[in-house]
């Protein structure tokens, strides 16, 4: 793992996405956060979530901090056709998301403390996890433009998020 850590931190990369993809290809998971100074990830009311999809981690890192808002009022986004190996996807978000997105960090973590989460590309941990590396990201690091998420679809996604939050433990 030392060679992987060295390459993550020191190798020249053509893009942030290439660096994150390298991490996933070497068996690591990714956790996106707006907070850029975390030494140890800790579970609170919800577990620590990670993914093996670089763009998902990037979107979580840049998304607006709206934890104080109810799910029905938050700015949201969706990735169509996410896959660890494919570059064939589209990102769509509400207009407010695009305006409020900011810089964040993707934390690279070893998978040993994680188990499968509620979706195919989500992994969860309930104990503290020390990141292997931190990769800073911003809106311009995304590998494609963000398209507009239509209001009808965003309302549907918001209601689905609220429903899932009521029935799922995390």
Protein backbone atom coordinates (compact mmCIF):
# COMPACT_ATOMS: atom_id res chain seq x y z
CA UNK A 1 0.00 0.00 0.00
CA UNK A 2 2.99 2.35 0.47
CA UNK A 3 3.55 2.58 -3.32
CA UNK A 4 -0.13 3.43 -3.79
CA UNK A 5 0.03 6.12 -1.07
CA UNK A 6 3.17 7.60 -2.63
CA UNK A 7 1.58 7.67 -6.09
CA UNK A 8 -1.60 9.30 -4.78
CA UNK A 9 0.36 12.08 -3.12
CA UNK A 10 3.37 12.58 -5.41
CA UNK A 11 2.68 11.38 -8.96
CA UNK A 12 1.69 13.86 -11.66
CA UNK A 13 -1.96 13.31 -12.62
CA UNK A 14 -3.75 14.59 -15.74
CA UNK A 15 -6.90 15.27 -13.68
CA UNK A 16 -8.43 14.89 -10.24
CA UNK A 17 -10.71 12.21 -11.69
CA UNK A 18 -7.68 10.19 -12.87
CA UNK A 19 -6.19 10.32 -9.38
CA UNK A 20 -9.46 9.21 -7.77
CA UNK A 21 -9.92 6.45 -10.35
CA UNK A 22 -6.40 5.20 -9.52
CA UNK A 23 -7.41 4.96 -5.85
CA UNK A 24 -10.51 2.91 -6.67
CA UNK A 25 -8.58 0.64 -9.05
CA UNK A 26 -6.23 -0.11 -6.15
CA UNK A 27 -9.07 -1.23 -3.86
CA UNK A 28 -9.56 1.98 -1.89
CA UNK A 29 -12.84 3.77 -1.18
CA UNK A 30 -13.67 7.49 -1.36
CA UNK A 31 -15.53 9.78 1.07
CA UNK A 32 -16.49 13.29 -0.09
CA UNK A 33 -16.85 16.17 2.37
CA UNK A 34 -17.07 19.97 2.33
CA UNK A 35 -14.72 19.92 5.34
CA UNK A 36 -11.10 20.06 4.18
CA UNK A 37 -9.30 19.39 7.45
CA UNK A 38 -10.37 15.98 8.76
CA UNK A 39 -7.76 13.76 10.40
CA UNK A 40 -10.17 10.99 11.42
CA UNK A 41 -13.65 10.37 9.98
CA UNK A 42 -16.18 9.72 12.75
CA UNK A 43 -19.73 8.42 12.65
CA UNK A 44 -22.37 10.61 14.26
CA UNK A 45 -26.12 10.18 13.84
CA UNK A 46 -25.30 8.56 10.50
CA UNK A 47 -22.47 6.17 9.63
CA UNK A 48 -19.40 7.17 7.64
CA UNK A 49 -20.27 6.63 3.99
CA UNK A 50 -17.81 5.87 1.20
CA UNK A 51 -18.07 4.85 -2.45
CA UNK A 52 -16.07 3.33 -5.28
CA UNK A 53 -17.47 5.84 -7.78
CA UNK A 54 -15.13 8.87 -8.00
CA UNK A 55 -17.78 11.26 -9.35
CA UNK A 56 -20.15 10.42 -6.47
CA UNK A 57 -17.43 11.28 -3.95
CA UNK A 58 -16.66 14.49 -5.84
CA UNK A 59 -20.32 15.55 -5.83
CA UNK A 60 -20.59 14.91 -2.08
CA UNK A 61 -17.45 17.01 -1.57
CA UNK A 62 -18.73 20.05 -3.47
CA UNK A 63 -22.42 19.96 -2.53
CA UNK A 64 -23.88 22.89 -0.59
CA UNK A 65 -23.93 22.55 3.19
CA UNK A 66 -27.67 22.46 3.83
CA UNK A 67 -27.89 20.05 6.76
CA UNK A 68 -30.08 22.58 8.58
CA UNK A 69 -32.75 22.40 5.84
CA UNK A 70 -35.41 19.69 5.61
CA UNK A 71 -34.83 17.22 2.76
CA UNK A 72 -37.74 18.72 0.84
CA UNK A 73 -35.92 22.08 0.58
CA UNK A 74 -32.34 20.98 -0.17
CA UNK A 75 -30.57 21.48 -3.47
CA UNK A 76 -30.05 18.08 -5.05
CA UNK A 77 -28.21 16.31 -7.83
CA UNK A 78 -28.32 13.00 -9.68
CA UNK A 79 -25.84 10.96 -11.68
CA UNK A 80 -27.28 8.94 -14.52
CA UNK A 81 -25.52 5.63 -15.29
CA UNK A 82 -22.88 5.67 -12.52
CA UNK A 83 -20.34 2.85 -12.76
CA UNK A 84 -16.82 2.36 -11.41
CA UNK A 85 -15.45 1.51 -14.87
CA UNK A 86 -17.53 3.73 -17.16
CA UNK A 87 -17.06 7.34 -18.17
CA UNK A 88 -20.50 7.28 -19.83
CA UNK A 89 -22.63 9.23 -17.34
CA UNK A 90 -24.44 12.54 -16.96
CA UNK A 91 -24.67 14.74 -13.90
CA UNK A 92 -27.79 16.82 -13.38
CA UNK A 93 -28.49 19.22 -10.52
CA UNK A 94 -30.89 21.90 -9.42
CA UNK A 95 -30.00 25.46 -10.37
CA UNK A 96 -29.35 26.33 -6.72
CA UNK A 97 -26.91 23.43 -6.36
CA UNK A 98 -24.76 24.74 -9.19
CA UNK A 99 -24.76 28.26 -7.69
CA UNK A 100 -23.99 27.09 -4.13
CA UNK A 101 -21.45 24.31 -4.88
CA UNK A 102 -18.06 24.98 -3.35
CA UNK A 103 -14.65 23.43 -2.79
CA UNK A 104 -14.32 20.27 -0.75
CA UNK A 105 -12.16 17.21 -0.26
CA UNK A 106 -12.33 13.55 -1.15
CA UNK A 107 -10.82 11.40 1.58
CA UNK A 108 -9.26 8.13 0.44
CA UNK A 109 -9.94 5.30 2.90
CA UNK A 110 -9.08 1.62 3.17
CA UNK A 111 -12.13 -0.65 2.83
CA UNK A 112 -11.46 -2.88 5.87
CA UNK A 113 -13.77 -0.97 8.25
CA UNK A 114 -16.64 -0.71 5.75
CA UNK A 115 -19.53 -2.96 4.80
CA UNK A 116 -22.08 -2.74 1.98
CA UNK A 117 -24.54 0.11 2.48
CA UNK A 118 -28.10 0.65 1.31
CA UNK A 119 -27.18 1.11 -2.37
CA UNK A 120 -24.91 -0.71 -4.80
CA UNK A 121 -22.10 1.87 -4.65
CA UNK A 122 -22.30 2.80 -0.96
CA UNK A 123 -20.19 1.43 1.87
CA UNK A 124 -20.69 2.31 5.53
CA UNK A 125 -18.57 2.25 8.69
CA UNK A 126 -19.67 2.89 12.25
CA UNK A 127 -16.21 3.19 13.83
CA UNK A 128 -13.64 5.97 13.30
CA UNK A 129 -11.61 5.70 10.09
CA UNK A 130 -8.26 7.38 9.42
CA UNK A 131 -7.95 8.53 5.77
CA UNK A 132 -4.98 7.40 3.67
CA UNK A 133 -4.98 10.66 1.70
CA UNK A 134 -6.98 13.83 1.04
CA UNK A 135 -7.64 15.08 -2.50
CA UNK A 136 -9.08 18.59 -2.82
CA UNK A 137 -11.80 19.08 -5.45
CA UNK A 138 -13.94 21.84 -6.89
CA UNK A 139 -16.75 22.25 -9.40
CA UNK A 140 -14.28 22.69 -12.27
CA UNK A 141 -12.66 19.31 -11.48
CA UNK A 142 -15.81 17.44 -12.55
CA UNK A 143 -15.21 15.51 -15.78
CA UNK A 144 -18.36 16.88 -17.45
CA UNK A 145 -20.72 19.81 -17.30
CA UNK A 146 -23.61 19.63 -14.88
CA UNK A 147 -26.94 19.69 -16.69
CA UNK A 148 -30.14 21.12 -15.26
CA UNK A 149 -32.35 18.77 -13.24
CA UNK A 150 -35.98 19.51 -14.20
CA UNK A 151 -38.25 20.67 -11.36
CA UNK A 152 -40.62 17.71 -11.68
CA UNK A 153 -37.73 15.26 -11.42
CA UNK A 154 -36.07 17.16 -8.55
CA UNK A 155 -39.38 17.15 -6.63
CA UNK A 156 -39.61 13.39 -7.14
CA UNK A 157 -36.01 12.84 -5.94
CA UNK A 158 -36.58 15.05 -2.88
CA UNK A 159 -39.70 13.10 -1.91
CA UNK A 160 -37.85 9.81 -2.42
CA UNK A 161 -34.97 11.01 -0.22
CA UNK A 162 -37.42 12.03 2.51
CA UNK A 163 -39.20 8.63 2.28
CA UNK A 164 -35.90 6.72 2.50
CA UNK A 165 -34.74 8.82 5.46
CA UNK A 166 -37.90 7.79 7.32
CA UNK A 167 -37.53 4.03 6.76
CA UNK A 168 -33.77 3.40 6.60
CA UNK A 169 -31.50 3.47 9.65
CA UNK A 170 -28.93 5.64 7.83
